[in-house]
N, C-alpha and C. Protein backbone atom coordinates (compact mmCIF):
# COMPACT_ATOMS: atom_id res chain seq x y z
N MET A 1 1.05 -1.31 0.01
CA MET A 1 -0.11 0.12 0.03
C MET A 1 0.91 1.09 0.05
N ASP A 2 2.10 1.43 0.71
CA ASP A 2 2.90 2.46 0.57
C ASP A 2 3.42 2.83 -0.78
N GLY A 3 3.54 1.69 -1.61
CA GLY A 3 3.92 1.85 -2.99
C GLY A 3 2.88 2.53 -3.92
N LEU A 4 1.60 1.92 -3.61
CA LEU A 4 0.50 2.55 -4.21
C LEU A 4 0.28 3.87 -3.98
N ILE A 5 0.27 4.22 -2.57
CA ILE A 5 0.25 5.70 -2.15
C ILE A 5 1.18 6.63 -2.84
N GLY A 6 2.48 6.19 -2.80
CA GLY A 6 3.41 6.96 -3.44
C GLY A 6 3.28 7.06 -4.91
N GLU A 7 2.79 6.00 -5.54
CA GLU A 7 2.58 6.52 -6.98
C GLU A 7 1.55 7.34 -7.21
N ARG A 8 0.32 7.35 -6.50
CA ARG A 8 -0.75 8.15 -6.41
C ARG A 8 -0.27 9.63 -6.18
N VAL A 9 0.61 9.91 -5.34
CA VAL A 9 1.03 11.28 -4.69
C VAL A 9 1.71 11.74 -6.05
N LYS A 10 2.80 10.82 -6.54
CA LYS A 10 3.55 11.63 -7.59
C LYS A 10 2.65 11.68 -9.01
N ALA A 11 1.68 10.74 -9.14
CA ALA A 11 0.93 11.25 -10.37
C ALA A 11 -0.05 12.41 -10.16
N LEU A 12 -0.49 12.61 -8.91
CA LEU A 12 -1.44 13.78 -8.74
C LEU A 12 -0.50 15.04 -8.63
N ARG A 13 0.60 15.00 -8.22
CA ARG A 13 1.46 16.14 -8.15
C ARG A 13 1.90 16.63 -9.62
N ALA A 14 2.05 15.41 -10.40
CA ALA A 14 2.45 15.69 -12.00
C ALA A 14 1.18 16.65 -12.68
N ALA A 15 0.08 15.88 -12.52
CA ALA A 15 -1.22 16.20 -12.84
C ALA A 15 -1.67 17.74 -12.66
N ALA A 16 -0.93 18.02 -11.21
CA ALA A 16 -1.36 19.37 -10.93
C ALA A 16 -0.32 20.49 -11.29
N GLY A 17 0.79 19.97 -11.98
CA GLY A 17 1.91 20.86 -12.54
C GLY A 17 2.88 21.15 -11.30
N LEU A 18 2.94 20.47 -10.32
CA LEU A 18 3.64 20.87 -9.03
C LEU A 18 5.19 20.32 -9.18
N THR A 19 5.98 20.88 -8.65
CA THR A 19 7.43 20.47 -8.44
C THR A 19 7.20 19.76 -6.95
N LEU A 20 8.45 19.01 -6.26
CA LEU A 20 8.56 18.63 -5.16
C LEU A 20 8.64 19.82 -4.13
N ASP A 21 9.28 20.93 -4.57
CA ASP A 21 9.35 21.96 -3.83
C ASP A 21 7.88 22.80 -3.75
N GLY A 22 7.14 22.83 -4.77
CA GLY A 22 5.89 23.35 -4.97
C GLY A 22 4.91 22.76 -3.92
N LEU A 23 4.74 21.44 -4.03
CA LEU A 23 3.87 20.71 -3.06
C LEU A 23 4.35 20.90 -1.71
N ALA A 24 5.59 20.91 -1.32
CA ALA A 24 6.18 21.04 -0.08
C ALA A 24 5.59 22.56 0.48
N ALA A 25 5.67 23.52 -0.20
CA ALA A 25 5.10 24.90 0.06
C ALA A 25 3.71 24.81 0.26
N ARG A 26 2.97 24.06 -0.45
CA ARG A 26 1.47 24.11 -0.38
C ARG A 26 0.92 23.50 1.07
N SER A 27 1.58 22.22 1.08
CA SER A 27 1.31 21.37 2.24
C SER A 27 1.84 21.53 3.50
N GLY A 28 2.98 22.14 3.70
CA GLY A 28 3.76 22.05 4.87
C GLY A 28 4.44 20.89 5.01
N VAL A 29 4.51 19.87 4.02
CA VAL A 29 5.45 18.79 4.24
C VAL A 29 6.69 18.81 3.64
N SER A 30 7.81 18.37 4.12
CA SER A 30 9.06 18.75 3.65
C SER A 30 9.31 18.04 2.49
N ARG A 31 10.21 18.58 1.51
CA ARG A 31 10.42 18.00 0.22
C ARG A 31 11.24 16.71 0.48
N ALA A 32 11.89 16.47 1.36
CA ALA A 32 12.42 15.30 1.75
C ALA A 32 11.42 14.06 1.83
N MET A 33 10.62 14.44 2.77
CA MET A 33 9.50 13.41 3.08
C MET A 33 8.63 13.07 1.93
N ILE A 34 8.29 14.16 1.14
CA ILE A 34 7.28 13.81 0.06
C ILE A 34 8.21 13.10 -0.88
N SER A 35 9.36 13.13 -1.18
CA SER A 35 10.21 12.14 -2.01
C SER A 35 10.29 10.81 -1.49
N ARG A 36 10.59 10.72 -0.24
CA ARG A 36 10.55 9.41 0.35
C ARG A 36 9.16 8.60 0.15
N ILE A 37 7.95 9.29 0.31
CA ILE A 37 6.67 8.91 0.19
C ILE A 37 6.26 8.40 -1.35
N GLU A 38 6.91 9.32 -2.22
CA GLU A 38 6.70 8.84 -3.73
C GLU A 38 7.36 7.58 -4.20
N ARG A 39 8.66 7.41 -3.42
CA ARG A 39 9.23 5.97 -3.67
C ARG A 39 8.96 5.15 -2.90
N GLY A 40 7.92 5.33 -2.02
CA GLY A 40 7.24 4.23 -1.31
C GLY A 40 8.31 3.82 -0.05
N GLU A 41 8.92 4.54 0.32
CA GLU A 41 10.12 4.31 1.29
C GLU A 41 9.61 4.68 2.71
N ALA A 42 8.38 5.41 2.79
CA ALA A 42 7.93 6.00 4.07
C ALA A 42 6.54 5.48 4.32
N SER A 43 6.14 5.15 5.63
CA SER A 43 4.94 4.83 5.92
C SER A 43 4.26 6.06 6.60
N ALA A 44 3.83 7.14 5.75
CA ALA A 44 3.27 8.34 6.21
C ALA A 44 2.09 8.22 7.16
N THR A 45 1.73 9.02 8.05
CA THR A 45 0.48 8.81 8.88
C THR A 45 -0.76 9.45 8.13
N ALA A 46 -1.86 9.46 8.93
CA ALA A 46 -3.14 9.81 7.95
C ALA A 46 -2.83 11.45 8.19
N VAL A 47 -2.43 12.01 9.20
CA VAL A 47 -2.42 13.55 9.22
C VAL A 47 -1.67 13.94 8.35
N LEU A 48 -0.21 13.52 8.08
CA LEU A 48 0.57 14.00 6.94
C LEU A 48 0.12 13.87 5.73
N LEU A 49 -0.73 12.51 5.38
CA LEU A 49 -1.28 12.35 4.23
C LEU A 49 -2.39 13.06 3.76
N SER A 50 -3.14 13.74 4.85
CA SER A 50 -4.21 14.73 4.56
C SER A 50 -3.60 16.05 4.16
N ARG A 51 -2.23 16.54 4.76
CA ARG A 51 -1.89 17.76 4.46
C ARG A 51 -1.27 17.58 3.05
N LEU A 52 -0.82 16.51 2.62
CA LEU A 52 -0.49 16.22 1.18
C LEU A 52 -1.64 16.54 0.42
N CYS A 53 -2.71 15.85 0.60
CA CYS A 53 -3.79 15.77 -0.21
C CYS A 53 -4.32 17.33 -0.28
N ALA A 54 -4.29 18.12 0.86
CA ALA A 54 -4.82 19.59 0.95
C ALA A 54 -3.75 20.11 -0.23
N GLY A 55 -2.87 20.04 -0.38
CA GLY A 55 -1.84 20.79 -1.12
C GLY A 55 -2.00 20.40 -2.68
N LEU A 56 -2.56 19.12 -2.76
CA LEU A 56 -2.94 18.70 -4.15
C LEU A 56 -4.37 18.88 -4.46
N GLY A 57 -5.19 19.42 -3.51
CA GLY A 57 -6.54 19.76 -3.79
C GLY A 57 -7.50 18.46 -4.15
N VAL A 58 -7.09 17.66 -3.35
CA VAL A 58 -7.86 16.24 -3.75
C VAL A 58 -8.34 15.66 -2.31
N PRO A 59 -9.25 14.83 -2.32
CA PRO A 59 -9.74 14.21 -0.98
C PRO A 59 -8.86 13.03 -0.73
N LEU A 60 -8.67 12.80 0.71
CA LEU A 60 -7.62 11.81 1.22
C LEU A 60 -8.06 10.38 0.69
N ALA A 61 -9.31 10.06 0.30
CA ALA A 61 -9.62 8.90 -0.26
C ALA A 61 -9.09 8.53 -1.55
N SER A 62 -8.73 9.70 -2.22
CA SER A 62 -8.05 9.41 -3.65
C SER A 62 -6.68 8.78 -3.72
N LEU A 63 -5.95 8.84 -2.39
CA LEU A 63 -4.73 8.16 -2.61
C LEU A 63 -4.73 6.83 -2.42
N PHE A 64 -6.00 5.94 -1.94
CA PHE A 64 -6.02 4.67 -1.73
C PHE A 64 -6.69 3.81 -2.81
N ALA A 65 -6.69 4.43 -3.92
CA ALA A 65 -7.56 3.91 -5.07
C ALA A 65 -6.83 3.97 -6.24
N PRO A 66 -6.86 2.91 -7.26
CA PRO A 66 -6.13 3.08 -8.48
C PRO A 66 -6.66 4.43 -9.19
N ALA A 67 -5.79 4.92 -10.14
CA ALA A 67 -6.04 6.00 -10.83
C ALA A 67 -7.08 5.74 -11.99
N ALA A 68 -6.98 4.47 -12.80
CA ALA A 68 -8.11 4.48 -13.62
C ALA A 68 -9.57 3.93 -12.92
N PRO A 69 -10.51 4.32 -13.60
CA PRO A 69 -11.97 4.08 -13.11
C PRO A 69 -12.01 2.52 -13.09
N ALA A 70 -12.89 2.04 -12.05
CA ALA A 70 -13.26 0.54 -12.05
C ALA A 70 -13.89 0.09 -13.13
N ALA A 71 -13.42 -1.05 -13.84
CA ALA A 71 -14.34 -1.76 -14.97
C ALA A 71 -15.43 -2.09 -14.71
N GLU A 72 -15.85 -2.35 -13.40
CA GLU A 72 -17.23 -2.72 -13.10
C GLU A 72 -17.95 -1.67 -12.01
N PRO A 73 -19.18 -1.85 -11.89
CA PRO A 73 -19.88 -0.79 -11.03
C PRO A 73 -19.92 -1.23 -9.68
N VAL A 74 -19.48 -2.44 -9.45
CA VAL A 74 -19.48 -3.13 -8.15
C VAL A 74 -18.08 -3.30 -7.49
N ALA A 75 -17.88 -2.75 -6.42
CA ALA A 75 -16.32 -2.96 -5.74
C ALA A 75 -16.58 -4.24 -4.58
N ARG A 76 -16.07 -5.27 -4.99
CA ARG A 76 -16.27 -6.23 -3.94
C ARG A 76 -15.37 -6.16 -2.81
N ARG A 77 -15.84 -6.52 -1.78
CA ARG A 77 -15.37 -6.36 -0.38
C ARG A 77 -13.69 -6.86 -0.40
N THR A 78 -13.57 -7.91 -1.05
CA THR A 78 -12.31 -8.57 -1.11
C THR A 78 -11.20 -7.65 -2.07
N ASP A 79 -11.83 -6.69 -2.84
CA ASP A 79 -11.03 -5.87 -3.79
C ASP A 79 -10.72 -4.70 -3.26
N GLN A 80 -11.41 -4.22 -2.16
CA GLN A 80 -11.49 -2.70 -1.66
C GLN A 80 -10.14 -2.51 -0.96
N PRO A 81 -9.42 -1.31 -1.32
CA PRO A 81 -8.29 -1.21 -0.75
C PRO A 81 -8.23 -0.82 0.75
N VAL A 82 -7.49 -1.32 1.57
CA VAL A 82 -7.18 -1.21 3.09
C VAL A 82 -6.06 -0.70 3.51
N TRP A 83 -6.12 0.40 4.47
CA TRP A 83 -4.85 0.97 4.77
C TRP A 83 -4.87 1.07 6.51
N ARG A 84 -3.74 0.94 7.21
CA ARG A 84 -3.80 1.34 8.46
C ARG A 84 -2.91 2.43 8.75
N ASP A 85 -3.45 3.37 9.49
CA ASP A 85 -2.62 4.42 9.92
C ASP A 85 -1.43 4.12 11.12
N PRO A 86 -0.20 4.04 10.53
CA PRO A 86 1.10 3.76 11.47
C PRO A 86 0.94 4.29 12.84
N MET A 87 0.49 5.48 13.08
CA MET A 87 0.30 6.18 14.08
C MET A 87 -0.80 5.75 15.52
N SER A 88 -2.06 5.87 14.66
CA SER A 88 -3.24 5.74 15.54
C SER A 88 -3.49 4.11 15.37
N GLY A 89 -3.35 3.52 14.60
CA GLY A 89 -3.75 2.19 14.15
C GLY A 89 -5.03 1.83 13.68
N TYR A 90 -5.75 3.21 13.37
CA TYR A 90 -7.09 3.06 12.66
C TYR A 90 -6.99 2.47 11.30
N VAL A 91 -7.97 1.78 10.85
CA VAL A 91 -8.07 1.08 9.62
C VAL A 91 -9.11 1.55 8.67
N ARG A 92 -8.48 2.09 7.58
CA ARG A 92 -9.67 2.73 6.49
C ARG A 92 -9.68 1.86 5.37
N ARG A 93 -10.93 1.60 4.92
CA ARG A 93 -11.32 0.79 3.63
C ARG A 93 -11.98 1.63 2.57
N ASN A 94 -11.47 1.76 1.47
CA ASN A 94 -12.20 2.66 0.32
C ASN A 94 -13.16 1.56 -0.10
N VAL A 95 -14.34 1.98 0.33
CA VAL A 95 -15.62 1.23 -0.28
C VAL A 95 -16.07 1.37 -1.71
N SER A 96 -16.00 2.60 -2.29
CA SER A 96 -16.64 3.05 -3.50
C SER A 96 -15.75 2.35 -4.68
N PRO A 97 -16.41 2.05 -5.65
CA PRO A 97 -15.70 1.74 -6.93
C PRO A 97 -14.80 3.08 -7.38
N PRO A 98 -13.56 2.75 -7.55
CA PRO A 98 -12.71 4.07 -8.16
C PRO A 98 -13.23 4.69 -9.47
N GLY A 99 -13.14 5.85 -9.29
CA GLY A 99 -13.62 6.56 -10.69
C GLY A 99 -14.98 6.74 -11.07
N ARG A 100 -15.94 6.07 -10.33
CA ARG A 100 -17.30 5.79 -10.71
C ARG A 100 -18.17 6.90 -10.32
N SER A 101 -17.64 7.93 -9.33
CA SER A 101 -18.70 8.95 -8.89
C SER A 101 -17.89 9.96 -8.24
N ALA A 102 -18.22 11.22 -8.25
CA ALA A 102 -17.47 12.11 -7.22
C ALA A 102 -17.64 11.89 -5.86
N VAL A 103 -18.80 11.11 -5.35
CA VAL A 103 -18.95 10.77 -3.99
C VAL A 103 -17.99 9.53 -3.71
N SER A 104 -17.59 9.62 -2.47
CA SER A 104 -16.75 8.50 -2.00
C SER A 104 -17.01 8.08 -0.70
N ILE A 105 -17.02 6.67 -0.47
CA ILE A 105 -17.44 6.10 0.88
C ILE A 105 -16.37 5.45 1.52
N VAL A 106 -16.05 5.83 2.78
CA VAL A 106 -14.94 5.04 3.43
C VAL A 106 -15.44 4.43 4.54
N GLU A 107 -15.09 3.14 5.24
CA GLU A 107 -15.42 2.70 6.18
C GLU A 107 -13.98 2.54 7.29
N VAL A 108 -14.49 2.91 8.34
CA VAL A 108 -13.16 2.96 9.40
C VAL A 108 -13.36 2.17 10.58
N ASP A 109 -12.44 1.37 10.86
CA ASP A 109 -12.21 0.78 12.34
C ASP A 109 -11.43 1.50 13.07
N PHE A 110 -11.94 2.06 14.14
CA PHE A 110 -11.15 2.91 14.92
C PHE A 110 -10.85 2.24 16.28
N PRO A 111 -9.57 2.14 16.69
CA PRO A 111 -9.28 1.42 17.86
C PRO A 111 -9.67 2.05 19.24
N PRO A 112 -9.69 1.29 20.21
CA PRO A 112 -10.12 1.99 21.53
C PRO A 112 -9.32 3.01 21.98
N ARG A 113 -9.91 4.20 22.31
CA ARG A 113 -9.03 5.29 22.79
C ARG A 113 -8.16 6.13 22.02
N ALA A 114 -8.30 5.74 20.79
CA ALA A 114 -7.34 6.36 19.54
C ALA A 114 -8.25 7.85 19.22
N ARG A 115 -7.23 8.71 18.89
CA ARG A 115 -7.62 10.10 18.31
C ARG A 115 -6.73 10.41 17.24
N VAL A 116 -7.51 11.11 16.28
CA VAL A 116 -6.88 11.52 15.07
C VAL A 116 -7.35 12.87 14.73
N ALA A 117 -6.51 13.89 14.68
CA ALA A 117 -6.76 15.13 14.39
C ALA A 117 -6.30 15.56 13.15
N PHE A 118 -7.07 16.00 12.13
CA PHE A 118 -6.95 16.59 10.86
C PHE A 118 -6.86 18.06 10.75
N ASP A 119 -5.60 18.68 10.51
CA ASP A 119 -5.72 20.13 10.24
C ASP A 119 -6.07 20.52 8.85
N GLN A 120 -7.32 20.43 8.74
CA GLN A 120 -7.81 20.83 7.33
C GLN A 120 -7.88 22.36 7.24
N GLY A 121 -7.17 23.11 8.07
CA GLY A 121 -7.01 24.44 7.84
C GLY A 121 -6.11 24.74 6.76
N TRP A 122 -5.34 23.61 6.31
CA TRP A 122 -4.51 23.58 4.99
C TRP A 122 -5.35 23.32 3.69
N GLU A 123 -6.60 22.82 3.85
CA GLU A 123 -7.31 22.51 2.63
C GLU A 123 -7.77 23.85 2.01
N TRP A 124 -7.71 23.84 0.33
CA TRP A 124 -8.58 24.95 -0.15
C TRP A 124 -9.65 24.33 -0.93
N ARG A 125 -10.39 23.61 -0.22
CA ARG A 125 -11.74 23.10 -0.67
C ARG A 125 -12.58 22.82 0.61
N ARG A 126 -13.84 22.88 0.44
CA ARG A 126 -14.61 22.31 1.59
C ARG A 126 -14.96 20.74 1.31
N LEU A 127 -15.61 20.16 2.37
CA LEU A 127 -15.90 18.70 2.06
C LEU A 127 -17.35 18.72 2.66
N ASP A 128 -18.32 18.16 1.75
CA ASP A 128 -19.63 17.88 2.40
C ASP A 128 -19.42 16.55 2.69
N GLN A 129 -19.62 16.37 4.05
CA GLN A 129 -19.14 15.01 4.67
C GLN A 129 -20.32 14.57 5.65
N GLN A 130 -20.62 13.25 5.58
CA GLN A 130 -21.66 12.50 6.60
C GLN A 130 -20.78 11.54 7.29
N VAL A 131 -20.72 11.26 8.54
CA VAL A 131 -20.12 10.38 9.36
C VAL A 131 -21.36 9.49 9.86
N TRP A 132 -21.45 8.22 9.67
CA TRP A 132 -22.43 7.34 10.25
C TRP A 132 -21.82 6.35 11.01
N VAL A 133 -22.16 6.14 12.17
CA VAL A 133 -21.48 5.22 13.19
C VAL A 133 -22.31 3.85 13.19
N LEU A 134 -21.56 2.76 12.72
CA LEU A 134 -22.06 1.77 12.60
C LEU A 134 -22.21 0.71 13.88
N GLU A 135 -21.00 0.91 14.58
CA GLU A 135 -20.92 0.12 15.87
C GLU A 135 -20.08 0.93 16.88
N GLY A 136 -20.25 1.03 18.10
CA GLY A 136 -19.56 1.76 19.11
C GLY A 136 -20.10 3.23 19.19
N VAL A 137 -18.89 4.08 19.66
CA VAL A 137 -19.05 5.35 20.11
C VAL A 137 -18.03 6.14 19.61
N LEU A 138 -18.12 7.36 18.82
CA LEU A 138 -17.44 8.43 18.29
C LEU A 138 -17.90 9.55 18.69
N ASP A 139 -16.47 10.26 19.16
CA ASP A 139 -16.61 11.75 19.40
C ASP A 139 -16.08 12.55 18.10
N PHE A 140 -16.69 13.21 17.51
CA PHE A 140 -16.39 13.87 16.45
C PHE A 140 -16.41 15.52 16.52
N THR A 141 -15.25 16.09 16.58
CA THR A 141 -15.28 17.67 16.75
C THR A 141 -15.15 18.34 15.32
N VAL A 142 -16.05 19.14 15.03
CA VAL A 142 -15.76 20.06 13.87
C VAL A 142 -16.41 21.25 14.30
N GLU A 143 -15.63 22.38 13.80
CA GLU A 143 -15.89 23.92 14.27
C GLU A 143 -16.06 24.03 15.58
N GLY A 144 -15.02 23.16 16.23
CA GLY A 144 -14.95 23.63 17.77
C GLY A 144 -16.01 22.87 18.44
N VAL A 145 -17.06 22.31 17.95
CA VAL A 145 -18.06 21.48 18.66
C VAL A 145 -17.77 20.03 18.53
N THR A 146 -17.91 19.35 19.60
CA THR A 146 -17.87 17.94 19.82
C THR A 146 -19.16 17.35 19.73
N HIS A 147 -19.23 16.20 18.88
CA HIS A 147 -20.69 15.67 18.85
C HIS A 147 -20.47 14.20 18.98
N ARG A 148 -21.15 13.61 20.10
CA ARG A 148 -21.00 12.23 20.57
C ARG A 148 -22.06 11.23 19.61
N LEU A 149 -21.51 10.49 19.04
CA LEU A 149 -22.39 9.78 18.01
C LEU A 149 -22.25 8.16 18.40
N GLN A 150 -23.62 7.81 18.69
CA GLN A 150 -23.82 6.38 19.08
C GLN A 150 -23.94 5.44 17.75
N ALA A 151 -23.97 4.30 17.85
CA ALA A 151 -24.35 3.43 16.80
C ALA A 151 -25.56 3.69 16.37
N GLY A 152 -25.74 3.94 14.80
CA GLY A 152 -26.90 4.36 14.18
C GLY A 152 -26.76 5.78 13.98
N ASP A 153 -26.34 6.59 14.75
CA ASP A 153 -26.18 7.99 14.62
C ASP A 153 -25.67 8.28 13.27
N CYS A 154 -25.97 9.52 12.61
CA CYS A 154 -25.27 10.05 11.38
C CYS A 154 -25.29 11.43 11.54
N LEU A 155 -24.03 12.13 11.47
CA LEU A 155 -23.85 13.45 11.36
C LEU A 155 -23.56 14.08 10.03
N ALA A 156 -24.14 15.19 9.46
CA ALA A 156 -23.85 15.97 8.38
C ALA A 156 -23.08 17.04 8.69
N ALA A 157 -21.78 17.40 7.91
CA ALA A 157 -21.10 18.53 8.30
C ALA A 157 -20.52 19.05 7.03
N ARG A 158 -20.16 20.57 6.85
CA ARG A 158 -19.28 20.79 5.87
C ARG A 158 -18.00 21.12 6.55
N ILE A 159 -17.11 20.45 5.93
CA ILE A 159 -15.60 20.50 6.71
C ILE A 159 -14.89 21.56 5.81
N SER A 160 -14.50 22.52 6.56
CA SER A 160 -13.45 23.69 6.17
C SER A 160 -12.38 23.98 7.11
N GLY A 161 -12.40 23.23 8.06
CA GLY A 161 -11.31 23.51 8.96
C GLY A 161 -10.77 22.18 9.89
N PRO A 162 -10.28 22.26 10.89
CA PRO A 162 -9.63 21.17 11.70
C PRO A 162 -10.76 20.39 12.13
N THR A 163 -10.56 19.04 12.27
CA THR A 163 -11.40 18.29 12.71
C THR A 163 -10.72 17.05 13.72
N LEU A 164 -11.48 16.47 14.70
CA LEU A 164 -10.89 15.41 15.51
C LEU A 164 -11.78 14.43 15.55
N PHE A 165 -11.26 13.17 15.40
CA PHE A 165 -12.02 11.96 15.64
C PHE A 165 -11.40 11.15 16.94
N ALA A 166 -12.26 10.71 17.74
CA ALA A 166 -11.89 10.17 18.88
C ALA A 166 -12.73 9.10 19.14
N ASN A 167 -12.10 8.00 19.79
CA ASN A 167 -12.85 6.88 20.26
C ASN A 167 -12.87 6.81 21.77
N PRO A 168 -13.94 7.42 22.57
CA PRO A 168 -13.56 7.42 24.04
C PRO A 168 -13.92 6.03 24.94
N THR A 169 -14.15 5.07 24.15
CA THR A 169 -14.34 3.84 24.91
C THR A 169 -13.13 2.91 24.69
N ASP A 170 -13.36 1.46 25.44
CA ASP A 170 -12.44 0.45 25.43
C ASP A 170 -12.79 -0.54 24.20
N ALA A 171 -13.63 -0.15 23.58
CA ALA A 171 -13.96 -1.17 22.37
C ALA A 171 -13.79 -0.39 20.93
N VAL A 172 -13.55 -1.21 19.92
CA VAL A 172 -13.35 -0.78 18.58
C VAL A 172 -14.60 0.03 18.20
N THR A 173 -14.69 1.12 17.64
CA THR A 173 -15.76 1.74 16.90
C THR A 173 -15.58 1.70 15.42
N ARG A 174 -16.79 1.46 14.75
CA ARG A 174 -16.67 1.21 13.34
C ARG A 174 -17.72 2.27 12.58
N TYR A 175 -17.35 3.00 12.00
CA TYR A 175 -18.02 3.92 11.18
C TYR A 175 -17.81 4.08 9.80
N ALA A 176 -18.80 4.81 8.91
CA ALA A 176 -18.76 4.97 7.51
C ALA A 176 -18.47 6.61 7.32
N VAL A 177 -17.99 6.95 6.30
CA VAL A 177 -17.80 8.39 6.08
C VAL A 177 -18.17 8.48 4.66
N VAL A 178 -19.05 9.33 4.44
CA VAL A 178 -19.58 9.55 2.97
C VAL A 178 -19.17 10.93 2.58
N ILE A 179 -18.26 11.23 1.30
CA ILE A 179 -17.64 12.46 1.18
C ILE A 179 -17.93 12.94 -0.16
N VAL A 180 -18.54 14.16 -0.52
CA VAL A 180 -18.66 14.83 -1.60
C VAL A 180 -17.91 16.17 -1.53
N PRO A 181 -16.69 16.21 -2.51
CA PRO A 181 -15.87 17.32 -2.45
C PRO A 181 -16.81 18.59 -3.25
N GLU A 182 -16.40 19.58 -2.58
CA GLU A 182 -16.87 20.91 -3.25
C GLU A 182 -15.97 21.54 -4.29
N PRO A 183 -16.16 22.55 -5.09
CA PRO A 183 -15.04 23.39 -5.81
C PRO A 183 -14.12 23.93 -4.89
N ALA A 184 -13.08 23.95 -5.40
CA ALA A 184 -11.82 24.56 -4.61
C ALA A 184 -12.09 26.06 -4.40
N LEU A 185 -11.54 26.39 -3.18
CA LEU A 185 -11.70 27.85 -2.78
C LEU A 185 -10.34 28.51 -2.59
N PRO A 186 -9.75 29.09 -3.68
CA PRO A 186 -8.58 29.71 -3.63
C PRO A 186 -8.45 30.73 -2.56
N ALA A 187 -9.67 31.42 -2.19
CA ALA A 187 -9.35 32.56 -1.08
C ALA A 187 -8.87 31.95 0.17
N ALA A 188 -9.03 30.69 0.39
CA ALA A 188 -8.69 30.03 1.76
C ALA A 188 -7.33 29.63 1.78
N ALA A 189 -6.49 29.85 0.72
CA ALA A 189 -5.04 29.36 0.80
C ALA A 189 -4.21 30.26 1.97
N PRO A 190 -3.50 29.58 2.53
CA PRO A 190 -2.52 30.56 3.54
C PRO A 190 -1.85 31.51 2.87
N PRO A 191 -1.62 32.58 3.68
CA PRO A 191 -1.12 33.91 3.34
C PRO A 191 0.35 33.63 2.54
N GLY A 192 0.54 34.22 1.38
CA GLY A 192 1.72 34.15 0.66
C GLY A 192 2.18 32.75 -0.22
N ILE A 193 0.90 32.03 -0.15
CA ILE A 193 0.95 30.74 -1.07
C ILE A 193 0.02 30.70 -2.09
N ALA A 194 0.28 30.47 -3.24
CA ALA A 194 -0.68 30.59 -4.31
C ALA A 194 -1.73 29.18 -4.03
N PRO A 195 -2.91 29.55 -4.46
CA PRO A 195 -3.93 28.41 -4.39
C PRO A 195 -3.71 27.06 -5.18
N ALA A 196 -4.12 25.99 -4.58
CA ALA A 196 -4.11 24.93 -5.54
C ALA A 196 -4.90 25.02 -6.70
N PRO A 197 -4.29 24.54 -8.04
CA PRO A 197 -5.04 24.73 -9.33
C PRO A 197 -6.20 24.03 -9.32
N GLU A 198 -7.41 24.52 -9.96
CA GLU A 198 -8.56 23.72 -10.21
C GLU A 198 -8.36 22.52 -10.80
N PRO A 199 -8.76 21.18 -10.16
CA PRO A 199 -8.41 20.19 -11.07
C PRO A 199 -9.54 19.97 -12.24
N ASP A 200 -8.71 19.22 -13.42
CA ASP A 200 -9.41 19.10 -14.87
C ASP A 200 -10.45 18.20 -14.59
N ARG A 201 -11.62 18.70 -14.96
CA ARG A 201 -12.90 17.76 -14.70
C ARG A 201 -13.44 17.35 -15.99
N ALA A 202 -12.79 17.57 -17.17
CA ALA A 202 -13.10 17.17 -18.29
C ALA A 202 -13.04 15.42 -18.63
């Protein structure tokens, strides 16, 4: 999976017309680390990968799927890409058939007492996101407000800033995330840094 992620980062960087230095400036991730990731030599954390995706102007789920659209409209569970965050241990599964829709569905197994904070202040696009808890309990913090979600609960949120996922229990929490990216927001780029280019939707 590290090799697949590296290939996807390199391909997306090339598609955006960014050098290693350019992506480093946009994402806040060092040039050396990006180079190691692209060569499949580093097991990057979810937080680091989310910063790279912010610089590339793509959702995190795009790193875990092939670049080419799926040949079939059904993604069999045995074929769905699975990745484990080396820091928190959370496991994410790309459920959606790649390239079939702008909507993406991700399933997550979140370990007991785990916490993952995403600094999406780096992002130049909003995400229309719904979090649906399938098993267990999840504390999801968005816009400074923490929502405790029980099994069966579903939260809809527009994500345009930092978020925090936390499992407050001693049991694994399983939840699904449904993501719809909105158009890029150039005005939200950090001061002094040019906004990410609008992806080619042709």
